[in-house]
PDB file of all heavy atoms in Angstrom:
ATOM      1  N   SER A   1     265.774  90.946 143.409  1.00  0.00           N
ATOM      2  CA  SER A   1     266.943  90.063 143.528  1.00  0.00           C
ATOM      3  C   SER A   1     266.508  88.641 143.797  1.00  0.00           C
ATOM      4  O   SER A   1     267.184  87.697 143.437  1.00  0.00           O
ATOM      5  CB  SER A   1     267.920  90.518 144.562  1.00  0.00           C
ATOM      6  OG  SER A   1     267.299  90.508 145.847  1.00  0.00           O
ATOM      7  N   ALA A   2     265.314  88.483 144.459  1.00  0.00           N
ATOM      8  CA  ALA A   2     264.954  87.119 144.787  1.00  0.00           C
ATOM      9  C   ALA A   2     264.550  86.331 143.540  1.00  0.00           C
ATOM     10  O   ALA A   2     264.571  85.141 143.513  1.00  0.00           O
ATOM     11  CB  ALA A   2     263.643  87.194 145.638  1.00  0.00           C
ATOM     12  N   SER A   3     264.109  87.047 142.443  1.00  0.00           N
ATOM     13  CA  SER A   3     263.832  86.420 141.206  1.00  0.00           C
ATOM     14  C   SER A   3     264.991  86.346 140.293  1.00  0.00           C
ATOM     15  O   SER A   3     264.839  86.006 139.067  1.00  0.00           O
ATOM     16  CB  SER A   3     262.618  87.145 140.555  1.00  0.00           C
ATOM     17  OG  SER A   3     263.046  88.522 140.283  1.00  0.00           O
ATOM     18  N   ALA A   4     266.185  86.751 140.741  1.00  0.00           N
ATOM     19  CA  ALA A   4     267.380  86.671 139.886  1.00  0.00           C
ATOM     20  C   ALA A   4     267.686  85.241 139.463  1.00  0.00           C
ATOM     21  O   ALA A   4     267.373  84.296 140.154  1.00  0.00           O
ATOM     22  CB  ALA A   4     268.579  87.268 140.606  1.00  0.00           C
ATOM     23  N   THR A   5     268.298  85.085 138.319  1.00  0.00           N
ATOM     24  CA  THR A   5     268.656  83.780 137.821  1.00  0.00           C
ATOM     25  C   THR A   5     270.141  83.708 137.555  1.00  0.00           C
ATOM     26  O   THR A   5     270.812  84.744 137.577  1.00  0.00           O
ATOM     27  CB  THR A   5     267.899  83.481 136.488  1.00  0.00           C
ATOM     28  OG1 THR A   5     268.242  84.506 135.535  1.00  0.00           O
ATOM     29  CG2 THR A   5     266.391  83.484 136.757  1.00  0.00           C
ATOM     30  N   GLY A   6     270.645  82.490 137.309  1.00  0.00           N
ATOM     31  CA  GLY A   6     272.033  82.276 137.060  1.00  0.00           C
ATOM     32  C   GLY A   6     272.939  82.699 138.143  1.00  0.00           C
ATOM     33  O   GLY A   6     272.592  82.588 139.318  1.00  0.00           O
ATOM     34  N   PHE A   7     274.112  83.238 137.759  1.00  0.00           N
ATOM     35  CA  PHE A   7     275.090  83.623 138.718  1.00  0.00           C
ATOM     36  C   PHE A   7     274.632  84.703 139.672  1.00  0.00           C
ATOM     37  O   PHE A   7     274.937  84.709 140.876  1.00  0.00           O
ATOM     38  CB  PHE A   7     276.392  84.027 138.052  1.00  0.00           C
ATOM     39  CG  PHE A   7     277.528  84.487 138.962  1.00  0.00           C
ATOM     40  CD1 PHE A   7     278.200  83.586 139.730  1.00  0.00           C
ATOM     41  CD2 PHE A   7     277.733  85.784 139.158  1.00  0.00           C
ATOM     42  CE1 PHE A   7     279.178  83.934 140.583  1.00  0.00           C
ATOM     43  CE2 PHE A   7     278.778  86.192 140.014  1.00  0.00           C
ATOM     44  CZ  PHE A   7     279.473  85.292 140.740  1.00  0.00           C
ATOM     45  N   ALA A   8     273.746  85.614 139.174  1.00  0.00           N
ATOM     46  CA  ALA A   8     273.250  86.704 139.988  1.00  0.00           C
ATOM     47  C   ALA A   8     272.475  86.188 141.172  1.00  0.00           C
ATOM     48  O   ALA A   8     272.466  86.778 142.251  1.00  0.00           O
ATOM     49  CB  ALA A   8     272.404  87.631 139.173  1.00  0.00           C
ATOM     50  N   ARG A   9     271.844  85.047 141.049  1.00  0.00           N
ATOM     51  CA  ARG A   9     271.042  84.429 142.130  1.00  0.00           C
ATOM     52  C   ARG A   9     271.965  84.101 143.274  1.00  0.00           C
ATOM     53  O   ARG A   9     271.548  84.231 144.444  1.00  0.00           O
ATOM     54  CB  ARG A   9     270.319  83.238 141.614  1.00  0.00           C
ATOM     55  CG  ARG A   9     269.484  82.555 142.633  1.00  0.00           C
ATOM     56  CD  ARG A   9     268.888  81.249 142.134  1.00  0.00           C
ATOM     57  NE  ARG A   9     268.245  80.522 143.230  1.00  0.00           N
ATOM     58  CZ  ARG A   9     268.176  79.207 143.282  1.00  0.00           C
ATOM     59  NH1 ARG A   9     268.721  78.502 142.306  1.00  0.00           N
ATOM     60  NH2 ARG A   9     267.512  78.588 144.264  1.00  0.00           N
ATOM     61  N   TYR A  10     273.165  83.626 143.015  1.00  0.00           N
ATOM     62  CA  TYR A  10     274.072  83.216 144.057  1.00  0.00           C
ATOM     63  C   TYR A  10     274.896  84.417 144.533  1.00  0.00           C
ATOM     64  O   TYR A  10     275.280  84.409 145.716  1.00  0.00           O
ATOM     65  CB  TYR A  10     274.965  82.098 143.543  1.00  0.00           C
ATOM     66  CG  TYR A  10     274.238  80.873 143.065  1.00  0.00           C
ATOM     67  CD1 TYR A  10     274.137  80.547 141.696  1.00  0.00           C
ATOM     68  CD2 TYR A  10     273.546  80.029 143.956  1.00  0.00           C
ATOM     69  CE1 TYR A  10     273.415  79.501 141.294  1.00  0.00           C
ATOM     70  CE2 TYR A  10     272.808  78.957 143.538  1.00  0.00           C
ATOM     71  CZ  TYR A  10     272.681  78.651 142.205  1.00  0.00           C
ATOM     72  OH  TYR A  10     272.033  77.602 141.753  1.00  0.00           O
ATOM     73  N   TRP A  11     275.242  85.313 143.631  1.00  0.00           N
ATOM     74  CA  TRP A  11     276.036  86.451 144.058  1.00  0.00           C
ATOM     75  C   TRP A  11     275.402  87.330 145.113  1.00  0.00           C
ATOM     76  O   TRP A  11     276.095  87.902 145.949  1.00  0.00           O
ATOM     77  CB  TRP A  11     276.264  87.299 142.766  1.00  0.00           C
ATOM     78  CG  TRP A  11     277.181  88.546 143.107  1.00  0.00           C
ATOM     79  CD1 TRP A  11     276.804  89.864 142.985  1.00  0.00           C
ATOM     80  CD2 TRP A  11     278.578  88.502 143.437  1.00  0.00           C
ATOM     81  NE1 TRP A  11     277.886  90.669 143.334  1.00  0.00           N
ATOM     82  CE2 TRP A  11     278.957  89.872 143.582  1.00  0.00           C
ATOM     83  CE3 TRP A  11     279.522  87.517 143.656  1.00  0.00           C
ATOM     84  CZ2 TRP A  11     280.266  90.215 143.964  1.00  0.00           C
ATOM     85  CZ3 TRP A  11     280.821  87.863 143.950  1.00  0.00           C
ATOM     86  CH2 TRP A  11     281.191  89.179 144.155  1.00  0.00           C
ATOM     87  N   GLN A  12     274.076  87.388 145.167  1.00  0.00           N
ATOM     88  CA  GLN A  12     273.406  88.210 146.193  1.00  0.00           C
ATOM     89  C   GLN A  12     273.604  87.595 147.565  1.00  0.00           C
ATOM     90  O   GLN A  12     273.371  88.298 148.601  1.00  0.00           O
ATOM     91  CB  GLN A  12     271.947  88.261 145.875  1.00  0.00           C
ATOM     92  CG  GLN A  12     271.166  86.891 145.880  1.00  0.00           C
ATOM     93  CD  GLN A  12     269.761  87.016 145.412  1.00  0.00           C
ATOM     94  OE1 GLN A  12     269.206  88.094 145.372  1.00  0.00           O
ATOM     95  NE2 GLN A  12     269.155  85.883 145.011  1.00  0.00           N
ATOM     96  N   TYR A  13     274.106  86.382 147.676  1.00  0.00           N
ATOM     97  CA  TYR A  13     274.351  85.743 148.976  1.00  0.00           C
ATOM     98  C   TYR A  13     275.847  85.738 149.318  1.00  0.00           C
ATOM     99  O   TYR A  13     276.224  84.986 150.222  1.00  0.00           O
ATOM    100  CB  TYR A  13     273.779  84.290 149.001  1.00  0.00           C
ATOM    101  CG  TYR A  13     272.312  84.184 148.921  1.00  0.00           C
ATOM    102  CD1 TYR A  13     271.704  83.941 147.710  1.00  0.00           C
ATOM    103  CD2 TYR A  13     271.494  84.319 150.070  1.00  0.00           C
ATOM    104  CE1 TYR A  13     270.345  83.817 147.589  1.00  0.00           C
ATOM    105  CE2 TYR A  13     270.123  84.204 149.969  1.00  0.00           C
ATOM    106  CZ  TYR A  13     269.540  83.945 148.670  1.00  0.00           C
ATOM    107  OH  TYR A  13     268.169  83.861 148.608  1.00  0.00           O
ATOM    108  N   ARG A  14     276.586  86.559 148.677  1.00  0.00           N
ATOM    109  CA  ARG A  14     278.014  86.599 148.910  1.00  0.00           C
ATOM    110  C   ARG A  14     278.452  86.947 150.321  1.00  0.00           C
ATOM    111  O   ARG A  14     279.409  86.388 150.853  1.00  0.00           O
ATOM    112  CB  ARG A  14     278.730  87.571 147.955  1.00  0.00           C
ATOM    113  CG  ARG A  14     278.243  89.068 148.109  1.00  0.00           C
ATOM    114  CD  ARG A  14     278.758  89.897 146.972  1.00  0.00           C
ATOM    115  NE  ARG A  14     278.298  91.267 147.041  1.00  0.00           N
ATOM    116  CZ  ARG A  14     277.129  91.725 146.731  1.00  0.00           C
ATOM    117  NH1 ARG A  14     276.252  90.860 146.155  1.00  0.00           N
ATOM    118  NH2 ARG A  14     276.768  92.976 146.798  1.00  0.00           N
ATOM    119  N   ASP A  15     277.643  87.768 151.018  1.00  0.00           N
ATOM    120  CA  ASP A  15     277.959  88.090 152.391  1.00  0.00           C
ATOM    121  C   ASP A  15     277.799  86.860 153.304  1.00  0.00           C
ATOM    122  O   ASP A  15     278.503  86.673 154.269  1.00  0.00           O
ATOM    123  CB  ASP A  15     277.083  89.215 152.898  1.00  0.00           C
ATOM    124  CG  ASP A  15     277.509  90.567 152.273  1.00  0.00           C
ATOM    125  OD1 ASP A  15     278.644  90.699 151.849  1.00  0.00           O
ATOM    126  OD2 ASP A  15     276.702  91.474 152.250  1.00  0.00           O
ATOM    127  N   LEU A  16     276.779  86.073 152.985  1.00  0.00           N
ATOM    128  CA  LEU A  16     276.579  84.825 153.718  1.00  0.00           C
ATOM    129  C   LEU A  16     277.728  83.924 153.594  1.00  0.00           C
ATOM    130  O   LEU A  16     278.177  83.292 154.559  1.00  0.00           O
ATOM    131  CB  LEU A  16     275.237  84.167 153.259  1.00  0.00           C
ATOM    132  CG  LEU A  16     274.966  82.766 153.859  1.00  0.00           C
ATOM    133  CD1 LEU A  16     274.770  82.863 155.342  1.00  0.00           C
ATOM    134  CD2 LEU A  16     273.743  82.160 153.166  1.00  0.00           C
ATOM    135  N   VAL A  17     278.144  83.719 152.378  1.00  0.00           N
ATOM    136  CA  VAL A  17     279.310  82.789 152.136  1.00  0.00           C
ATOM    137  C   VAL A  17     280.498  83.354 152.871  1.00  0.00           C
ATOM    138  O   VAL A  17     281.256  82.534 153.464  1.00  0.00           O
ATOM    139  CB  VAL A  17     279.551  82.691 150.609  1.00  0.00           C
ATOM    140  CG1 VAL A  17     280.842  81.867 150.376  1.00  0.00           C
ATOM    141  CG2 VAL A  17     278.382  82.023 149.928  1.00  0.00           C
ATOM    142  N   ARG A  18     280.822  84.631 152.744  1.00  0.00           N
ATOM    143  CA  ARG A  18     281.948  85.255 153.422  1.00  0.00           C
ATOM    144  C   ARG A  18     281.916  84.990 154.914  1.00  0.00           C
ATOM    145  O   ARG A  18     282.889  84.638 155.534  1.00  0.00           O
ATOM    146  CB  ARG A  18     282.078  86.691 153.057  1.00  0.00           C
ATOM    147  CG  ARG A  18     283.336  87.313 153.690  1.00  0.00           C
ATOM    148  CD  ARG A  18     283.489  88.749 153.136  1.00  0.00           C
ATOM    149  NE  ARG A  18     282.354  89.624 153.442  1.00  0.00           N
ATOM    150  CZ  ARG A  18     281.559  90.130 152.491  1.00  0.00           C
ATOM    151  NH1 ARG A  18     281.774  89.800 151.227  1.00  0.00           N
ATOM    152  NH2 ARG A  18     280.568  90.931 152.875  1.00  0.00           N
ATOM    153  N   ASN A  19     280.681  85.189 155.528  1.00  0.00           N
ATOM    154  CA  ASN A  19     280.557  85.014 156.987  1.00  0.00           C
ATOM    155  C   ASN A  19     280.737  83.519 157.334  1.00  0.00           C
ATOM    156  O   ASN A  19     281.241  83.251 158.418  1.00  0.00           O
ATOM    157  CB  ASN A  19     279.208  85.517 157.384  1.00  0.00           C
ATOM    158  CG  ASN A  19     279.093  87.034 157.385  1.00  0.00           C
ATOM    159  OD1 ASN A  19     280.115  87.773 157.478  1.00  0.00           O
ATOM    160  ND2 ASN A  19     277.918  87.550 157.194  1.00  0.00           N
ATOM    161  N   LEU A  20     280.252  82.663 156.470  1.00  0.00           N
ATOM    162  CA  LEU A  20     280.420  81.193 156.828  1.00  0.00           C
ATOM    163  C   LEU A  20     281.867  80.839 156.823  1.00  0.00           C
ATOM    164  O   LEU A  20     282.345  80.100 157.728  1.00  0.00           O
ATOM    165  CB  LEU A  20     279.615  80.369 155.736  1.00  0.00           C
ATOM    166  CG  LEU A  20     278.139  80.356 155.867  1.00  0.00           C
ATOM    167  CD1 LEU A  20     277.496  79.632 154.675  1.00  0.00           C
ATOM    168  CD2 LEU A  20     277.639  79.647 157.106  1.00  0.00           C
ATOM    169  N   VAL A  21     282.621  81.306 155.828  1.00  0.00           N
ATOM    170  CA  VAL A  21     284.064  80.977 155.787  1.00  0.00           C
ATOM    171  C   VAL A  21     284.760  81.634 156.940  1.00  0.00           C
ATOM    172  O   VAL A  21     285.643  80.980 157.570  1.00  0.00           O
ATOM    173  CB  VAL A  21     284.655  81.498 154.437  1.00  0.00           C
ATOM    174  CG1 VAL A  21     286.164  81.349 154.453  1.00  0.00           C
ATOM    175  CG2 VAL A  21     283.983  80.766 153.281  1.00  0.00           C
ATOM    176  N   ALA A  22     284.482  82.811 157.240  1.00  0.00           N
ATOM    177  CA  ALA A  22     285.105  83.567 158.385  1.00  0.00           C
ATOM    178  C   ALA A  22     284.788  82.867 159.711  1.00  0.00           C
ATOM    179  O   ALA A  22     285.683  82.707 160.548  1.00  0.00           O
ATOM    180  CB  ALA A  22     284.641  85.006 158.444  1.00  0.00           C
ATOM    181  N   LYS A  23     283.555  82.431 159.863  1.00  0.00           N
ATOM    182  CA  LYS A  23     283.206  81.762 161.094  1.00  0.00           C
ATOM    183  C   LYS A  23     284.035  80.459 161.254  1.00  0.00           C
ATOM    184  O   LYS A  23     284.507  80.116 162.385  1.00  0.00           O
ATOM    185  CB  LYS A  23     281.648  81.391 161.110  1.00  0.00           C
ATOM    186  CG  LYS A  23     281.220  80.578 162.314  1.00  0.00           C
ATOM    187  CD  LYS A  23     279.746  80.225 162.143  1.00  0.00           C
ATOM    188  CE  LYS A  23     279.558  79.232 161.071  1.00  0.00           C
ATOM    189  NZ  LYS A  23     280.113  77.899 161.331  1.00  0.00           N
ATOM    190  N   ASP A  24     284.094  79.678 160.237  1.00  0.00           N
ATOM    191  CA  ASP A  24     284.851  78.405 160.305  1.00  0.00           C
ATOM    192  C   ASP A  24     286.357  78.659 160.595  1.00  0.00           C
ATOM    193  O   ASP A  24     286.983  77.868 161.324  1.00  0.00           O
ATOM    194  CB  ASP A  24     284.766  77.641 158.955  1.00  0.00           C
ATOM    195  CG  ASP A  24     283.370  77.073 158.766  1.00  0.00           C
ATOM    196  OD1 ASP A  24     282.655  76.894 159.737  1.00  0.00           O
ATOM    197  OD2 ASP A  24     283.038  76.749 157.628  1.00  0.00           O
ATOM    198  N   LEU A  25     286.904  79.687 160.049  1.00  0.00           N
ATOM    199  CA  LEU A  25     288.297  80.016 160.269  1.00  0.00           C
ATOM    200  C   LEU A  25     288.483  80.416 161.742  1.00  0.00           C
ATOM    201  O   LEU A  25     289.459  79.962 162.368  1.00  0.00           O
ATOM    202  CB  LEU A  25     288.774  81.246 159.373  1.00  0.00           C
ATOM    203  CG  LEU A  25     288.968  80.893 157.926  1.00  0.00           C
ATOM    204  CD1 LEU A  25     289.221  82.176 157.110  1.00  0.00           C
ATOM    205  CD2 LEU A  25     290.112  79.939 157.672  1.00  0.00           C
ATOM    206  N   LYS A  26     287.592  81.178 162.334  1.00  0.00           N
ATOM    207  CA  LYS A  26     287.672  81.611 163.723  1.00  0.00           C
ATOM    208  C   LYS A  26     287.554  80.380 164.652  1.00  0.00           C
ATOM    209  O   LYS A  26     288.245  80.258 165.644  1.00  0.00           O
ATOM    210  CB  LYS A  26     286.655  82.685 163.995  1.00  0.00           C
ATOM    211  CG  LYS A  26     286.920  84.013 163.319  1.00  0.00           C
ATOM    212  CD  LYS A  26     285.776  84.969 163.670  1.00  0.00           C
ATOM    213  CE  LYS A  26     286.017  86.310 162.948  1.00  0.00           C
ATOM    214  NZ  LYS A  26     284.921  87.266 163.195  1.00  0.00           N
ATOM    215  N   VAL A  27     286.528  79.560 164.387  1.00  0.00           N
ATOM    216  CA  VAL A  27     286.278  78.385 165.220  1.00  0.00           C
ATOM    217  C   VAL A  27     287.458  77.453 165.203  1.00  0.00           C
ATOM    218  O   VAL A  27     287.888  76.853 166.240  1.00  0.00           O
ATOM    219  CB  VAL A  27     285.009  77.679 164.773  1.00  0.00           C
ATOM    220  CG1 VAL A  27     284.840  76.356 165.484  1.00  0.00           C
ATOM    221  CG2 VAL A  27     283.810  78.553 165.076  1.00  0.00           C
ATOM    222  N   ARG A  28     288.008  77.165 164.015  1.00  0.00           N
ATOM    223  CA  ARG A  28     289.099  76.189 163.838  1.00  0.00           C
ATOM    224  C   ARG A  28     290.371  76.579 164.581  1.00  0.00           C
ATOM    225  O   ARG A  28     291.005  75.790 165.208  1.00  0.00           O
ATOM    226  CB  ARG A  28     289.384  76.009 162.387  1.00  0.00           C
ATOM    227  CG  ARG A  28     290.457  75.025 162.151  1.00  0.00           C
ATOM    228  CD  ARG A  28     290.368  74.397 160.764  1.00  0.00           C
ATOM    229  NE  ARG A  28     291.314  73.324 160.542  1.00  0.00           N
ATOM    230  CZ  ARG A  28     291.355  72.488 159.496  1.00  0.00           C
ATOM    231  NH1 ARG A  28     290.400  72.596 158.616  1.00  0.00           N
ATOM    232  NH2 ARG A  28     292.239  71.585 159.387  1.00  0.00           N
ATOM    233  N   TYR A  29     290.698  77.847 164.567  1.00  0.00           N
ATOM    234  CA  TYR A  29     291.922  78.287 165.187  1.00  0.00           C
ATOM    235  C   TYR A  29     291.826  79.230 166.395  1.00  0.00           C
ATOM    236  O   TYR A  29     292.720  79.904 166.772  1.00  0.00           O
ATOM    237  CB  TYR A  29     292.820  78.962 164.114  1.00  0.00           C
ATOM    238  CG  TYR A  29     293.215  78.039 162.997  1.00  0.00           C
ATOM    239  CD1 TYR A  29     292.665  78.205 161.720  1.00  0.00           C
ATOM    240  CD2 TYR A  29     294.087  76.957 163.180  1.00  0.00           C
ATOM    241  CE1 TYR A  29     292.962  77.340 160.640  1.00  0.00           C
ATOM    242  CE2 TYR A  29     294.369  76.076 162.174  1.00  0.00           C
ATOM    243  CZ  TYR A  29     293.817  76.255 160.908  1.00  0.00           C
ATOM    244  OH  TYR A  29     294.132  75.427 159.947  1.00  0.00           O
ATOM    245  N   GLN A  30     290.599  79.222 166.977  1.00  0.00           N
ATOM    246  CA  GLN A  30     290.387  80.023 168.129  1.00  0.00           C
ATOM    247  C   GLN A  30     291.225  79.521 169.313  1.00  0.00           C
ATOM    248  O   GLN A  30     291.212  78.365 169.688  1.00  0.00           O
ATOM    249  CB  GLN A  30     288.945  79.915 168.560  1.00  0.00           C
ATOM    250  CG  GLN A  30     288.534  80.855 169.649  1.00  0.00           C
ATOM    251  CD  GLN A  30     286.995  80.873 169.891  1.00  0.00           C
ATOM    252  OE1 GLN A  30     286.319  79.929 169.569  1.00  0.00           O
ATOM    253  NE2 GLN A  30     286.550  81.887 170.563  1.00  0.00           N
ATOM    254  N   GLY A  31     292.051  80.416 169.809  1.00  0.00           N
ATOM    255  CA  GLY A  31     292.953  80.066 170.921  1.00  0.00           C
ATOM    256  C   GLY A  31     294.241  79.468 170.521  1.00  0.00           C
ATOM    257  O   GLY A  31     295.079  79.201 171.388  1.00  0.00           O
ATOM    258  N   ALA A  32     294.438  79.187 169.247  1.00  0.00           N
ATOM    259  CA  ALA A  32     295.679  78.563 168.798  1.00  0.00           C
ATOM    260  C   ALA A  32     296.731  79.667 168.563  1.00  0.00           C
ATOM    261  O   ALA A  32     296.481  80.635 167.871  1.00  0.00           O
ATOM    262  CB  ALA A  32     295.460  77.775 167.505  1.00  0.00           C
ATOM    263  N   ALA A  33     297.897  79.518 169.233  1.00  0.00           N
ATOM    264  CA  ALA A  33     298.937  80.544 169.100  1.00  0.00           C
ATOM    265  C   ALA A  33     299.426  80.686 167.696  1.00  0.00           C
ATOM    266  O   ALA A  33     299.738  81.780 167.301  1.00  0.00           O
ATOM    267  CB  ALA A  33     300.077  80.187 170.070  1.00  0.00           C
ATOM    268  N   LEU A  34     299.561  79.661 166.947  1.00  0.00           N
ATOM    269  CA  LEU A  34     300.117  79.720 165.592  1.00  0.00           C
ATOM    270  C   LEU A  34     299.079  79.926 164.499  1.00  0.00           C
ATOM    271  O   LEU A  34     299.442  80.142 163.380  1.00  0.00           O
ATOM    272  CB  LEU A  34     300.937  78.389 165.292  1.00  0.00           C
ATOM    273  CG  LEU A  34     302.102  78.139 166.167  1.00  0.00           C
ATOM    274  CD1 LEU A  34     302.815  76.896 165.777  1.00  0.00           C
ATOM    275  CD2 LEU A  34     303.096  79.346 166.117  1.00  0.00           C
ATOM    276  N   GLY A  35     297.818  79.845 164.815  1.00  0.00           N
ATOM    277  CA  GLY A  35     296.756  80.144 163.890  1.00  0.00           C
ATOM    278  C   GLY A  35     296.857  79.389 162.610  1.00  0.00           C
ATOM    279  O   GLY A  35     296.907  78.172 162.520  1.00  0.00           O
ATOM    280  N   PHE A  36     296.934  80.159 161.514  1.00  0.00           N
ATOM    281  CA  PHE A  36     296.980  79.568 160.120  1.00  0.00           C
ATOM    282  C   PHE A  36     298.116  78.604 159.967  1.00  0.00           C
ATOM    283  O   PHE A  36     298.032  77.734 159.131  1.00  0.00           O
ATOM    284  CB  PHE A  36     297.172  80.760 159.096  1.00  0.00           C
ATOM    285  CG  PHE A  36     295.785  81.271 158.569  1.00  0.00           C
ATOM    286  CD1 PHE A  36     295.492  82.597 158.733  1.00  0.00           C
ATOM    287  CD2 PHE A  36     294.962  80.420 157.890  1.00  0.00           C
ATOM    288  CE1 PHE A  36     294.248  83.027 158.259  1.00  0.00           C
ATOM    289  CE2 PHE A  36     293.750  80.917 157.350  1.00  0.00           C
ATOM    290  CZ  PHE A  36     293.395  82.222 157.571  1.00  0.00           C
ATOM    291  N   LEU A  37     299.213  78.865 160.638  1.00  0.00           N
ATOM    292  CA  LEU A  37     300.397  77.970 160.432  1.00  0.00           C
ATOM    293  C   LEU A  37     300.109  76.456 160.728  1.00  0.00           C
ATOM    294  O   LEU A  37     300.763  75.626 160.187  1.00  0.00           O
ATOM    295  CB  LEU A  37     301.549  78.467 161.274  1.00  0.00           C
ATOM    296  CG  LEU A  37     302.123  79.887 160.884  1.00  0.00           C
ATOM    297  CD1 LEU A  37     303.218  80.265 161.836  1.00  0.00           C
ATOM    298  CD2 LEU A  37     302.596  79.896 159.497  1.00  0.00           C
ATOM    299  N   TRP A  38     299.082  76.225 161.537  1.00  0.00           N
ATOM    300  CA  TRP A  38     298.770  74.866 161.789  1.00  0.00           C
ATOM    301  C   TRP A  38     298.200  74.160 160.605  1.00  0.00           C
ATOM    302  O   TRP A  38     298.233  72.935 160.495  1.00  0.00           O
ATOM    303  CB  TRP A  38     297.675  74.745 162.904  1.00  0.00           C
ATOM    304  CG  TRP A  38     298.329  74.952 164.284  1.00  0.00           C
ATOM    305  CD1 TRP A  38     298.052  75.954 165.151  1.00  0.00           C
ATOM    306  CD2 TRP A  38     299.217  74.111 164.961  1.00  0.00           C
ATOM    307  NE1 TRP A  38     298.765  75.789 166.326  1.00  0.00           N
ATOM    308  CE2 TRP A  38     299.518  74.655 166.203  1.00  0.00           C
ATOM    309  CE3 TRP A  38     299.902  72.909 164.533  1.00  0.00           C
ATOM    310  CZ2 TRP A  38     300.413  74.082 167.091  1.00  0.00           C
ATOM    311  CZ3 TRP A  38     300.785  72.309 165.452  1.00  0.00           C
ATOM    312  CH2 TRP A  38     301.071  72.895 166.676  1.00  0.00           C
TER     313      TRP A  38
END
């Protein structure tokens, strides 16, 4: 997979992208009562 090219090269890091997005969501609204609604 390390030698993958094109879209496959980035697809193998999908868990990293998902975790980055989830981390930002948690940090941004941590402790906020209304969460996403803000």
